[in-house]
Protein backbone atom coordinates (compact mmCIF):
# COMPACT_ATOMS: atom_id res chain seq x y z
CA UNK A 1 123.86 98.33 71.08
CA UNK A 2 124.04 96.99 74.63
CA UNK A 3 122.19 93.69 74.99
CA UNK A 4 119.82 93.02 77.87
CA UNK A 5 117.90 89.99 79.02
CA UNK A 6 114.46 89.97 77.41
CA UNK A 7 111.77 91.35 79.69
CA UNK A 8 114.32 92.84 82.06
CA UNK A 9 113.97 96.16 83.83
CA UNK A 10 116.95 97.37 81.81
CA UNK A 11 115.14 96.71 78.52
CA UNK A 12 112.16 98.76 79.61
CA UNK A 13 114.39 101.53 80.93
CA UNK A 14 116.23 101.72 77.62
CA UNK A 15 112.96 102.14 75.74
CA UNK A 16 111.66 104.75 78.17
CA UNK A 17 114.96 106.63 78.11
CA UNK A 18 115.65 106.69 74.38
CA UNK A 19 112.25 106.93 72.70
CA UNK A 20 110.37 110.24 72.21
CA UNK A 21 107.14 108.19 72.40
CA UNK A 22 107.79 107.74 76.11
CA UNK A 23 106.59 111.28 76.73
CA UNK A 24 103.27 110.92 74.92
CA UNK A 25 100.39 112.09 77.09
CA UNK A 26 97.64 109.50 76.80
CA UNK A 27 95.13 111.39 78.96
CA UNK A 28 92.38 113.43 77.34
CA UNK A 29 88.64 113.74 77.91
CA UNK A 30 88.42 114.68 74.22
CA UNK A 31 90.83 112.25 72.55
CA UNK A 32 92.83 113.44 69.56
CA UNK A 33 94.60 110.15 68.83
CA UNK A 34 93.87 106.42 68.97
CA UNK A 35 95.70 105.76 72.23
CA UNK A 36 93.94 108.56 74.10
CA UNK A 37 90.71 107.15 72.67
CA UNK A 38 91.64 103.68 73.94
CA UNK A 39 92.45 104.85 77.46
CA UNK A 40 89.24 106.84 77.72
CA UNK A 41 87.33 103.67 76.87
CA UNK A 42 89.45 101.65 79.29
CA UNK A 43 88.49 104.03 82.09
CA UNK A 44 84.80 103.84 81.24
CA UNK A 45 84.93 100.05 81.44
CA UNK A 46 86.90 99.98 84.68
CA UNK A 47 84.61 102.52 86.30
CA UNK A 48 81.57 100.50 85.22
CA UNK A 49 82.93 97.20 86.58
CA UNK A 50 84.15 98.31 90.03
CA UNK A 51 82.27 96.24 92.60
CA UNK A 52 82.25 98.37 95.75
CA UNK A 53 80.98 101.75 94.55
CA UNK A 54 82.27 104.80 96.44
CA UNK A 55 82.42 108.52 95.83
CA UNK A 56 86.20 108.44 96.20
CA UNK A 57 88.35 105.37 95.61
CA UNK A 58 91.86 104.78 96.85
CA UNK A 59 93.50 103.40 93.72
CA UNK A 60 96.82 101.63 93.17
CA UNK A 61 98.28 101.14 89.69
CA UNK A 62 101.15 98.64 89.66
CA UNK A 63 103.71 98.66 86.87
CA UNK A 64 102.26 102.08 86.16
CA UNK A 65 104.42 103.23 83.25
CA UNK A 66 103.35 106.78 82.50
CA UNK A 67 100.16 106.22 84.52
CA UNK A 68 97.72 106.88 81.70
CA UNK A 69 94.70 105.18 83.25
CA UNK A 70 95.51 106.58 86.69
CA UNK A 71 95.27 110.03 85.10
CA UNK A 72 91.59 109.36 84.41
CA UNK A 73 91.01 108.21 88.00
CA UNK A 74 92.84 111.28 89.33
CA UNK A 75 90.84 113.58 87.03
CA UNK A 76 87.65 112.09 88.49
CA UNK A 77 88.78 112.96 92.02
CA UNK A 78 90.09 109.60 93.21
CA UNK A 79 93.24 109.16 95.31
CA UNK A 80 95.90 107.51 93.18
CA UNK A 81 99.17 105.78 93.95
CA UNK A 82 101.45 104.82 91.06
CA UNK A 83 104.06 102.12 91.57
CA UNK A 84 106.79 101.05 89.15
CA UNK A 85 110.16 99.39 89.56
CA UNK A 86 111.68 101.80 87.04
CA UNK A 87 112.88 105.14 88.36
CA UNK A 88 113.06 106.32 84.75
CA UNK A 89 109.36 105.90 84.16
CA UNK A 90 108.32 107.26 87.55
CA UNK A 91 109.98 110.54 86.59
CA UNK A 92 108.12 110.52 83.27
CA UNK A 93 104.82 109.85 85.06
CA UNK A 94 105.44 112.74 87.44
CA UNK A 95 106.00 115.13 84.53
CA UNK A 96 102.87 113.97 82.72
CA UNK A 97 100.72 114.27 85.85
CA UNK A 98 102.04 117.77 86.44
CA UNK A 99 101.24 118.64 82.83
CA UNK A 100 97.66 117.40 83.35
CA UNK A 101 97.33 119.15 86.72
CA UNK A 102 96.66 115.80 88.42
CA UNK A 103 97.79 114.66 91.84
CA UNK A 104 99.15 111.26 92.82
CA UNK A 105 101.58 109.47 95.09
CA UNK A 106 104.57 108.08 93.15
CA UNK A 107 106.51 105.09 94.47
CA UNK A 108 109.49 103.16 93.11
CA UNK A 109 108.81 99.56 94.04
CA UNK A 110 108.49 95.93 93.01
CA UNK A 111 105.04 94.46 92.28
CA UNK A 112 106.26 91.15 93.71
CA UNK A 113 107.07 92.83 97.02
CA UNK A 114 104.71 95.78 97.46
CA UNK A 115 105.74 97.86 100.45
CA UNK A 116 102.20 98.78 101.55
CA UNK A 117 99.99 97.53 104.37
CA UNK A 118 97.35 94.85 103.90
CA UNK A 119 93.88 96.01 102.79
CA UNK A 120 94.98 99.52 101.78
CA UNK A 121 93.22 100.10 98.43
CA UNK A 122 89.71 99.93 96.96
CA UNK A 123 90.98 99.32 93.42
CA UNK A 124 94.25 97.70 92.33
CA UNK A 125 95.02 97.40 88.63
CA UNK A 126 97.68 96.96 85.99
CA UNK A 127 97.70 97.74 82.27
CA UNK A 128 99.97 95.69 80.03
CA UNK A 129 102.07 94.34 82.89
CA UNK A 130 101.26 90.72 83.67
CA UNK A 131 102.14 89.37 80.22
CA UNK A 132 105.77 90.25 80.96
CA UNK A 133 105.90 87.75 83.86
CA UNK A 134 106.63 84.09 83.22
CA UNK A 135 105.39 83.37 86.75
CA UNK A 136 102.35 85.41 87.76
CA UNK A 137 101.50 84.00 91.19
CA UNK A 138 103.62 86.16 93.48
CA UNK A 139 102.65 89.40 91.76
CA UNK A 140 98.92 88.69 91.86
CA UNK A 141 99.09 87.53 95.48
CA UNK A 142 100.72 90.83 96.45
CA UNK A 143 98.07 92.82 94.61
CA UNK A 144 95.35 90.90 96.44
CA UNK A 145 97.08 91.44 99.77
CA UNK A 146 96.93 95.24 99.53
CA UNK A 147 93.35 95.19 98.17
CA UNK A 148 90.54 95.77 100.67
CA UNK A 149 87.79 93.15 101.14
CA UNK A 150 85.08 93.92 98.58
CA UNK A 151 87.63 95.79 96.47
CA UNK A 152 88.27 95.24 92.78
CA UNK A 153 91.36 93.80 91.11
CA UNK A 154 91.82 94.48 87.39
CA UNK A 155 94.40 92.65 85.29
CA UNK A 156 94.57 94.05 81.76
CA UNK A 157 96.77 91.58 79.90
CA UNK A 158 98.21 91.96 76.39
CA UNK A 159 99.43 88.50 75.32
CA UNK A 160 101.35 87.66 72.18
CA UNK A 161 98.43 86.98 69.84
CA UNK A 162 99.06 85.20 66.54
CA UNK A 163 95.52 85.85 65.31
CA UNK A 164 93.20 88.63 66.50
CA UNK A 165 91.75 91.88 65.17
CA UNK A 166 95.30 93.17 64.68
CA UNK A 167 96.29 90.39 62.30
CA UNK A 168 93.75 91.65 59.75
CA UNK A 169 95.54 95.01 59.63
CA UNK A 170 99.20 93.98 59.78
CA UNK A 171 99.56 94.66 56.07
CA UNK A 172 98.60 98.31 56.67
CA UNK A 173 101.24 98.67 59.37
CA UNK A 174 103.86 97.02 57.15
CA UNK A 175 103.19 99.63 54.46
CA UNK A 176 103.41 102.45 57.01
CA UNK A 177 106.66 100.98 58.31
CA UNK A 178 108.34 101.23 54.91
CA UNK A 179 107.72 104.98 54.82
CA UNK A 180 108.79 105.45 58.41
CA UNK A 181 111.93 103.32 58.58
CA UNK A 182 114.32 106.05 57.47
CA UNK A 183 113.11 108.28 60.31
CA UNK A 184 113.45 105.64 63.01
CA UNK A 185 117.03 106.02 64.21
CA UNK A 186 116.85 104.08 67.47
CA UNK A 187 115.86 100.43 67.55
CA UNK A 188 113.50 99.39 70.33
CA UNK A 189 114.71 96.88 72.88
CA UNK A 190 112.86 93.55 72.86
CA UNK A 191 110.80 92.66 75.95
CA UNK A 192 109.38 89.30 76.97
CA UNK A 193 105.65 88.75 76.35
CA UNK A 194 103.77 85.55 77.13
CA UNK A 195 101.03 83.99 75.02
CA UNK A 196 98.91 82.81 77.99
CA UNK A 197 95.15 83.39 77.88
CA UNK A 198 92.89 84.21 80.84
CA UNK A 199 92.58 80.58 82.01
CA UNK A 200 95.85 80.68 83.95
CA UNK A 201 94.81 83.85 85.78
CA UNK A 202 91.30 82.68 86.59
CA UNK A 203 92.51 79.31 87.88
CA UNK A 204 94.92 81.05 90.25
CA UNK A 205 92.31 83.55 91.47
CA UNK A 206 89.29 81.26 91.83
CA UNK A 207 89.84 80.09 95.41
CA UNK A 208 91.25 83.45 96.56
CA UNK A 209 88.43 85.86 95.62
CA UNK A 210 84.65 86.10 95.92
CA UNK A 211 84.01 86.58 92.19
CA UNK A 212 86.15 86.53 89.07
CA UNK A 213 85.27 87.37 85.46
CA UNK A 214 87.04 87.84 82.14
CA UNK A 215 86.45 89.21 78.64
CA UNK A 216 88.31 90.37 75.59
CA UNK A 217 88.88 94.10 75.38
CA UNK A 218 89.93 96.78 72.87
CA UNK A 219 88.21 95.39 69.72
CA UNK A 220 90.03 97.72 67.33
CA UNK A 221 93.30 97.55 65.39
CA UNK A 222 96.33 99.65 66.23
CA UNK A 223 97.42 101.54 63.13
CA UNK A 224 101.01 102.73 63.21
CA UNK A 225 104.47 102.25 61.67
CA UNK A 226 105.47 100.78 65.04
CA UNK A 227 102.89 99.25 67.40
CA UNK A 228 105.53 97.78 69.72
CA UNK A 229 106.14 99.37 73.12
CA UNK A 230 106.30 102.32 73.25
CA UNK A 231 103.62 102.87 70.59
CA UNK A 232 104.31 105.37 67.78
CA UNK A 233 101.53 107.75 66.70
CA UNK A 234 100.86 108.91 63.16
CA UNK A 235 100.26 112.52 62.11
CA UNK A 236 97.61 114.55 63.94
CA UNK A 237 95.31 114.56 60.92
CA UNK A 238 95.65 110.82 60.35
CA UNK A 239 94.90 110.13 64.01
CA UNK A 240 91.73 112.25 63.96
CA UNK A 241 90.47 110.49 60.82
CA UNK A 242 91.16 107.15 62.47
CA UNK A 243 89.26 108.07 65.64
CA UNK A 244 86.18 109.02 63.64
CA UNK A 245 86.35 105.67 61.87
CA UNK A 246 86.78 103.82 65.18
CA UNK A 247 83.74 105.55 66.66
CA UNK A 248 81.63 104.22 63.78
CA UNK A 249 82.96 100.70 64.39
CA UNK A 250 82.06 100.86 68.08
CA UNK A 251 78.59 102.16 67.27
CA UNK A 252 78.07 99.16 65.00
CA UNK A 253 79.10 96.87 67.89
CA UNK A 254 76.56 98.20 70.38
CA UNK A 255 74.39 95.41 71.74
CA UNK A 256 77.00 92.69 71.17
CA UNK A 257 78.12 92.89 74.83
CA UNK A 258 77.63 94.99 77.96
CA UNK A 259 79.84 97.62 76.35
CA UNK A 260 81.18 97.82 72.77
CA UNK A 261 84.72 98.06 74.16
CA UNK A 262 84.41 94.49 75.45
CA UNK A 263 84.49 91.52 73.09
CA UNK A 264 85.16 87.81 72.85
CA UNK A 265 88.57 86.92 74.23
CA UNK A 266 91.07 86.43 71.44
CA UNK A 267 89.43 89.01 69.19
CA UNK A 268 90.60 92.28 70.79
CA UNK A 269 94.04 93.62 71.58
CA UNK A 270 93.95 92.26 75.13
CA UNK A 271 91.86 90.50 77.74
CA UNK A 272 90.61 91.81 81.06
CA UNK A 273 90.31 89.76 84.23
CA UNK A 274 88.50 91.41 87.10
CA UNK A 275 87.81 90.03 90.57
CA UNK A 276 86.18 90.97 93.87
CA UNK A 277 88.22 90.21 96.98
């Protein structure tokens, strides 16, 4: 197997190119699997937290991947631009958007050198991107530059947690992995992931924005024979059973925070930093 530098564009491209999971469609208003369920909840949270409310937002997703969250914005009538440095994944995103009958502008570009004018977007966000940068400053500065005054920046960061909700369920995934290993013919390329918490992001943003907040997010385990990027789903029936169980867990969490999808940082799968320019 060809070796690539960890966290490199080539590593991501190899995973997008060689894994059938790359073509999963994570958009659905009636989720049938745990990842669709997660993205639906992500969108509800983002939509709730946007500072400058408008009927139509101009939205930029950087490091878009397949553009799963942008699909929800597009479905709601917002104008979406998807940017990724990988031409491989931009083509995948185009196919998925066409499948969902959604419109967007697709751009191959670098988040550290965004080729858009200042103050162009109402909402700028990333999902599972920033943890792959050892140095975050240039990327965040560029995202702020293209964000309009009063606009909202969302950084959804998935650090390398040693202990969180997932650690309580690792034994389940290890069992699933033993049954799945014979079917998994292509090893996934390793990608760099930092273990930084929200402090680093907030400290950088504090003197550059009007307001900045953070919280844990996604307070549910990921159940799969392979939770690494790109995530592997279980059977349709297993996924539906899991969603029903997850809905009960979220119901039991109501009242613990502004939304049961938010939680204490370090408990969920990720943390969310959001700021008003």
